[in-house]
Protein backbone atom coordinates (compact mmCIF):
# COMPACT_ATOMS: atom_id res chain seq x y z
CA MET A 1 -8.68 -0.15 1.62
CA ASP A 2 -9.50 3.70 1.84
CA SER A 3 -7.31 4.07 4.97
CA ILE A 4 -5.51 7.50 4.16
CA ALA A 5 -7.81 9.41 6.60
CA ARG A 6 -7.14 7.01 9.50
CA ILE A 7 -3.33 6.63 8.80
CA VAL A 8 -3.32 10.56 8.89
CA SER A 9 -5.36 10.99 12.05
CA SER A 10 -3.59 8.04 13.94
CA MET A 11 -0.08 9.58 13.16
CA GLN A 12 -1.07 13.04 14.21
CA ALA A 13 -2.51 11.73 17.37
CA ALA A 14 0.78 9.77 18.11
CA ALA A 15 2.77 12.79 17.59
CA GLN A 16 0.56 14.76 20.00
CA GLN A 17 0.80 12.13 22.68
CA CYS A 18 4.57 11.95 22.18
CA GLN A 19 4.81 15.79 22.52
CA LEU A 20 6.25 16.16 18.96
CA THR A 21 5.35 18.58 16.16
CA ILE A 22 2.16 17.43 14.59
CA PRO A 23 2.96 16.61 10.91
CA SER A 24 0.65 17.98 8.02
CA VAL A 25 -1.90 15.78 6.24
CA LYS A 26 0.31 15.96 3.11
CA SER A 27 3.45 14.99 4.79
CA VAL A 28 1.77 11.96 6.29
CA LYS A 29 0.13 11.01 3.01
CA ASP A 30 3.76 11.17 1.26
CA ILE A 31 5.05 8.37 3.51
CA ILE A 32 2.14 5.97 3.11
CA GLY A 33 3.41 2.87 2.06
CA LEU A 34 6.79 2.91 3.67
CA SER A 35 7.64 0.87 6.64
CA LEU A 36 6.79 2.45 9.88
CA PRO A 37 10.37 3.11 11.13
CA LYS A 38 11.30 4.56 7.74
CA ALA A 39 8.19 6.56 7.65
CA LEU A 40 8.79 8.00 11.17
CA GLU A 41 12.47 8.88 10.30
CA ILE A 42 11.22 11.07 7.46
CA LEU A 43 8.30 12.64 9.50
CA PHE A 44 10.43 13.31 12.57
CA PRO A 45 14.21 13.56 11.39
CA ALA A 46 15.11 15.36 14.92
CA ALA A 47 13.48 12.57 16.95
CA SER A 48 15.60 10.28 19.10
CA GLN A 49 15.71 6.55 18.89
CA SER A 50 13.52 6.37 22.26
CA GLN A 51 11.08 9.08 20.75
CA ILE A 52 10.80 6.88 17.66
CA SER A 53 10.11 3.91 19.77
CA ALA A 54 7.39 5.62 21.54
CA LEU A 55 5.91 6.93 18.33
CA ILE A 56 5.78 3.40 16.85
CA GLY A 57 3.87 2.22 20.10
CA GLN A 58 1.57 5.07 20.02
CA TYR A 59 0.84 4.91 16.13
CA GLN A 60 0.09 1.22 16.33
CA PHE A 61 -2.39 1.94 19.50
CA GLN A 62 -4.18 4.67 17.72
CA TYR A 63 -4.56 2.68 14.48
CA VAL A 64 -5.79 -0.36 15.94
CA GLU A 65 -7.72 0.82 18.89
CA GLY A 66 -7.64 4.63 19.63
CA ASP A 67 -8.71 5.96 16.34
CA VAL A 68 -12.31 5.24 15.02
CA THR A 69 -11.98 6.74 11.56
CA PRO A 70 -13.55 4.32 9.05
CA ALA A 71 -11.15 2.52 6.72
CA PRO A 72 -13.47 0.59 4.32
CA LEU A 73 -12.69 -1.28 1.23
CA PHE A 74 -12.79 0.87 -1.87
CA GLU A 75 -16.04 0.59 -4.03
CA ASP A 76 -15.95 -2.64 -6.18
CA ALA A 77 -12.94 -3.97 -4.38
CA GLN A 78 -14.39 -7.33 -3.64
CA LEU A 79 -15.88 -7.53 -7.17
CA LEU A 80 -12.36 -6.82 -8.56
CA LEU A 81 -10.72 -9.57 -6.41
CA LYS A 82 -13.35 -12.21 -7.25
CA THR A 83 -13.29 -11.42 -10.98
CA LEU A 84 -9.55 -11.79 -11.00
CA THR A 85 -9.55 -15.00 -9.10
CA ASP A 86 -12.28 -16.45 -11.32
CA ASN A 87 -10.07 -15.55 -14.23
CA ASN A 88 -7.06 -17.64 -12.75
CA ARG A 89 -4.92 -14.48 -11.97
CA LEU A 90 -2.16 -14.87 -9.23
CA LEU A 91 -2.70 -12.07 -6.68
CA ALA A 92 -0.19 -10.98 -4.12
CA VAL A 93 0.37 -8.18 -1.59
CA ALA A 94 3.51 -5.97 -1.05
CA THR A 95 2.71 -3.73 1.72
CA GLY A 96 4.29 -1.27 4.29
CA LYS A 97 2.41 -2.81 6.90
CA GLY A 98 3.81 -5.28 9.35
CA ARG A 99 2.73 -9.04 9.24
CA GLN A 100 0.56 -8.64 12.18
CA GLY A 101 -1.26 -5.45 10.62
CA LEU A 102 -1.67 -7.28 7.37
CA GLN A 103 -3.26 -10.32 8.89
CA ARG A 104 -5.63 -8.18 11.03
CA VAL A 105 -6.69 -6.26 7.85
CA LEU A 106 -7.21 -9.42 5.79
CA ALA A 107 -9.22 -10.96 8.53
CA ALA A 108 -11.33 -7.92 8.95
CA THR A 109 -12.17 -7.59 5.20
CA GLN A 110 -12.46 -11.36 4.60
CA THR A 111 -10.00 -11.16 1.73
CA GLU A 112 -7.12 -13.37 2.64
CA HIS A 113 -8.28 -16.31 0.39
CA PHE A 114 -7.92 -14.14 -2.77
CA PHE A 115 -4.18 -13.74 -2.36
CA HIS A 116 -1.53 -16.35 -3.14
CA ALA A 117 1.50 -14.73 -1.28
CA SER A 118 2.29 -11.55 0.52
CA ARG A 119 5.38 -9.67 1.76
CA CYS A 120 5.23 -7.21 4.64
CA ALA A 121 7.67 -4.23 5.73
CA ASP A 122 9.02 -6.43 8.51
CA GLU A 123 10.03 -9.22 6.13
CA ALA A 124 11.83 -7.19 3.42
CA LEU A 125 13.34 -3.87 2.78
CA SER A 126 10.91 -1.03 2.86
CA LYS A 127 9.39 0.34 -0.42
CA PRO A 128 10.72 1.76 -2.79
CA ASP A 129 13.32 -1.08 -2.69
CA PRO A 130 12.26 -3.79 -5.10
CA GLN A 131 13.05 -6.62 -2.76
CA MET A 132 9.45 -7.27 -1.87
CA LEU A 133 8.46 -7.67 -5.32
CA LEU A 134 11.38 -9.75 -6.45
CA SER A 135 10.89 -12.14 -3.55
CA LEU A 136 7.19 -12.59 -4.60
CA LEU A 137 8.15 -13.33 -8.25
CA THR A 138 10.51 -16.02 -6.98
CA GLU A 139 7.86 -17.55 -4.70
CA LEU A 140 5.32 -17.61 -7.34
CA ASN A 141 7.64 -18.72 -10.02
CA ILE A 142 6.85 -15.94 -12.52
CA GLU A 143 9.03 -13.60 -14.42
CA PRO A 144 8.90 -9.79 -14.21
CA GLU A 145 7.34 -9.42 -17.58
CA GLN A 146 4.48 -11.76 -16.43
CA ALA A 147 3.48 -9.30 -13.48
CA VAL A 148 1.84 -5.86 -13.10
CA MET A 149 2.16 -3.86 -9.82
CA ILE A 150 -1.08 -1.92 -8.94
CA GLY A 151 -0.36 1.06 -6.60
CA ASP A 152 -1.58 4.51 -5.58
CA ALA A 153 1.68 6.01 -4.29
CA SER A 154 5.10 7.06 -5.91
CA HIS A 155 6.71 4.46 -3.56
CA ASP A 156 4.85 1.74 -5.29
CA MET A 157 5.61 2.94 -8.77
CA LYS A 158 9.26 3.35 -8.08
CA MET A 159 9.52 -0.23 -6.52
CA ALA A 160 7.87 -1.70 -9.64
CA GLN A 161 10.12 0.35 -11.89
CA SER A 162 13.18 -0.85 -10.14
CA ALA A 163 11.97 -4.48 -10.27
CA GLY A 164 11.34 -4.21 -14.05
CA ILE A 165 7.72 -4.77 -13.66
CA ASP A 166 4.91 -2.92 -15.40
CA ARG A 167 2.83 -0.69 -13.10
CA ILE A 168 -0.70 0.67 -13.05
CA GLY A 169 -1.51 3.87 -11.02
CA VAL A 170 -4.70 4.10 -9.24
CA THR A 171 -5.84 7.63 -8.35
CA LEU A 172 -8.09 6.71 -5.46
CA GLY A 173 -5.43 6.71 -2.84
CA VAL A 174 -2.24 8.79 -2.05
CA HIS A 175 -0.88 10.40 -5.21
CA ASN A 176 -2.64 12.12 -8.06
CA ARG A 177 -2.40 11.36 -11.77
CA GLU A 178 0.50 13.77 -12.23
CA VAL A 179 2.67 12.25 -9.63
CA LEU A 180 2.04 8.66 -10.70
CA SER A 181 2.66 9.54 -14.28
CA ASN A 182 6.26 10.31 -13.43
CA TYR A 183 7.08 6.55 -13.25
CA GLN A 184 5.81 5.48 -16.83
CA PRO A 185 2.95 3.35 -15.77
CA ILE A 186 1.29 1.53 -18.53
CA ALA A 187 -2.03 3.11 -17.44
CA ILE A 188 -3.55 5.15 -14.69
CA VAL A 189 -7.13 4.55 -13.54
CA ASP A 190 -9.77 6.42 -11.52
CA SER A 191 -11.87 3.59 -10.40
CA LEU A 192 -11.52 -0.16 -9.74
CA ILE A 193 -13.99 -0.97 -12.49
CA GLU A 194 -11.64 0.74 -14.92
CA LEU A 195 -8.71 -1.22 -13.49
CA GLN A 196 -10.78 -4.52 -13.99
CA GLN A 197 -11.41 -3.55 -17.65
CA ILE A 198 -7.59 -3.40 -18.26
CA LEU A 199 -6.78 -6.59 -16.33
CA ILE A 200 -9.54 -8.65 -17.71
CA PRO A 201 -10.49 -7.16 -21.10
CA VAL A 202 -14.02 -7.94 -22.35
CA PRO A 203 -13.74 -9.67 -25.74
CA GLY A 204 -14.40 -7.42 -28.77
CA ASN A 205 -13.74 -4.38 -26.55
CA LYS A 206 -10.74 -2.08 -27.41
């Protein structure tokens, strides 16, 4: 999902409501993918625990109800998911969202049926710790060398690196090619069609 603008505006609105310094766009983008408590600790290091609790409530309200910034699926996302499913690929989600947030997104985008497993930030250690990925590998009964992690942020790349899983960077989201390349991905792509061509090669094409 192209949810960056909504995450940024929701976080800035939450800070304003809690009378805290409003974080910059870049600083909010840099915490996308982390669990919400961990993200808030980074964005608001001087905040008290009661302020963090208030921020969590305000951010969740803003993202779900208060903010109307669109968060559509990226172009060709449905096509990619269908193509991978049709080619018998196992798909899983490792996300900084909580379980309730992920289920809401899957329902809104009608994509839940594509995924065989998922791990959320309230069920495992936050990215970039590899626990989410290692747990998914165990559930799906596959080895690290049989998997690939696809992500748009440094937290995704570092998590996969720590889990011993190949990784592909996508420049559509949080971080650019230069940042993603620091984590030795096997590829970096600029579109989901390009990603599909790597994951499901067309016979005869190099």
